[in-house]
């Protein structure tokens, strides 16, 4: 009779271990899915921020380029004007 009880106890313990193992596997799968979703959201936000930064950077870069060109042209004209005046005066 004792052997029968031991077998029943072992069977119950084995069943409990199987159930806990399945629960753990289910929890792991749920955590894996959540982590994957979080990573996708993170990557989407990172890409949006990068795109916005690059748009802003390009805009600023273009404006600086325009201002630089105008500044160089005006310096060229001033230099030419000074040279012309020097020739007229001198």
Protein backbone atom coordinates (compact mmCIF):
# COMPACT_ATOMS: atom_id res chain seq x y z
CA UNK A 1 0.00 0.00 0.00
CA UNK A 2 2.86 2.35 0.78
CA UNK A 3 4.29 1.89 -2.72
CA UNK A 4 0.91 2.84 -4.22
CA UNK A 5 0.80 6.06 -2.16
CA UNK A 6 4.34 6.88 -3.17
CA UNK A 7 3.45 6.36 -6.83
CA UNK A 8 0.36 8.56 -6.44
CA UNK A 9 2.44 11.25 -4.72
CA UNK A 10 5.05 11.07 -7.44
CA UNK A 11 2.34 11.30 -10.12
CA UNK A 12 0.81 14.32 -8.37
CA UNK A 13 4.19 15.99 -8.04
CA UNK A 14 4.95 15.27 -11.68
CA UNK A 15 1.61 16.77 -12.70
CA UNK A 16 2.31 19.85 -10.58
CA UNK A 17 5.74 20.22 -12.16
CA UNK A 18 4.21 19.90 -15.64
CA UNK A 19 1.59 22.55 -14.82
CA UNK A 20 4.18 24.93 -13.40
CA UNK A 21 6.39 24.33 -16.40
CA UNK A 22 3.53 25.15 -18.76
CA UNK A 23 2.63 28.25 -16.73
CA UNK A 24 6.25 29.38 -16.86
CA UNK A 25 6.39 28.77 -20.61
CA UNK A 26 3.17 30.77 -21.06
CA UNK A 27 4.49 33.63 -18.92
CA UNK A 28 7.74 33.61 -20.88
CA UNK A 29 5.87 33.74 -24.19
CA UNK A 30 3.74 36.63 -22.93
CA UNK A 31 6.85 38.50 -21.74
CA UNK A 32 8.58 37.81 -25.08
CA UNK A 33 5.62 39.22 -27.02
CA UNK A 34 5.50 42.32 -24.80
CA UNK A 35 9.24 42.86 -25.20
CA UNK A 36 8.93 42.52 -28.98
CA UNK A 37 6.10 45.04 -29.06
CA UNK A 38 8.07 47.47 -26.85
CA UNK A 39 11.07 47.14 -29.14
CA UNK A 40 8.92 47.87 -32.20
CA UNK A 41 7.45 50.97 -30.53
CA UNK A 42 10.94 52.11 -29.49
CA UNK A 43 12.30 51.64 -33.02
CA UNK A 44 9.34 53.51 -34.54
CA UNK A 45 9.81 56.46 -32.16
CA UNK A 46 13.58 56.43 -32.72
CA UNK A 47 13.05 56.57 -36.50
CA UNK A 48 10.53 59.42 -36.15
CA UNK A 49 12.94 61.42 -33.99
CA UNK A 50 15.81 60.78 -36.39
CA UNK A 51 13.71 61.85 -39.39
CA UNK A 52 12.56 65.01 -37.60
CA UNK A 53 16.11 65.85 -36.59
CA UNK A 54 17.41 65.36 -40.12
CA UNK A 55 14.63 67.53 -41.57
CA UNK A 56 15.47 70.28 -39.09
CA UNK A 57 19.20 69.89 -39.67
CA UNK A 58 18.78 70.08 -43.43
CA UNK A 59 16.58 73.16 -43.15
CA UNK A 60 19.10 74.95 -40.92
CA UNK A 61 21.97 73.86 -43.14
CA UNK A 62 20.25 75.26 -46.23
CA UNK A 63 19.51 78.56 -44.49
CA UNK A 64 23.11 78.90 -43.32
CA UNK A 65 24.28 78.15 -46.86
CA UNK A 66 21.99 80.86 -48.24
CA UNK A 67 23.17 83.42 -45.69
CA UNK A 68 26.81 82.53 -46.34
CA UNK A 69 26.37 82.98 -50.10
CA UNK A 70 24.68 86.37 -49.64
CA UNK A 71 27.43 87.44 -47.25
CA UNK A 72 30.16 86.41 -49.69
CA UNK A 73 28.46 88.20 -52.57
CA UNK A 74 28.05 91.37 -50.55
CA UNK A 75 31.70 91.22 -49.50
CA UNK A 76 32.67 90.74 -53.16
CA UNK A 77 30.58 93.75 -54.22
CA UNK A 78 32.01 95.91 -51.42
CA UNK A 79 35.51 94.85 -52.37
CA UNK A 80 34.82 95.61 -56.04
CA UNK A 81 33.28 98.98 -55.14
CA UNK A 82 36.29 99.91 -53.02
CA UNK A 83 38.63 98.93 -55.84
CA UNK A 84 36.63 100.98 -58.34
CA UNK A 85 36.59 104.01 -56.02
CA UNK A 86 40.32 103.68 -55.47
CA UNK A 87 40.87 103.73 -59.22
CA UNK A 88 38.62 106.75 -59.62
CA UNK A 89 40.23 108.65 -56.79
CA UNK A 90 43.77 107.62 -57.40
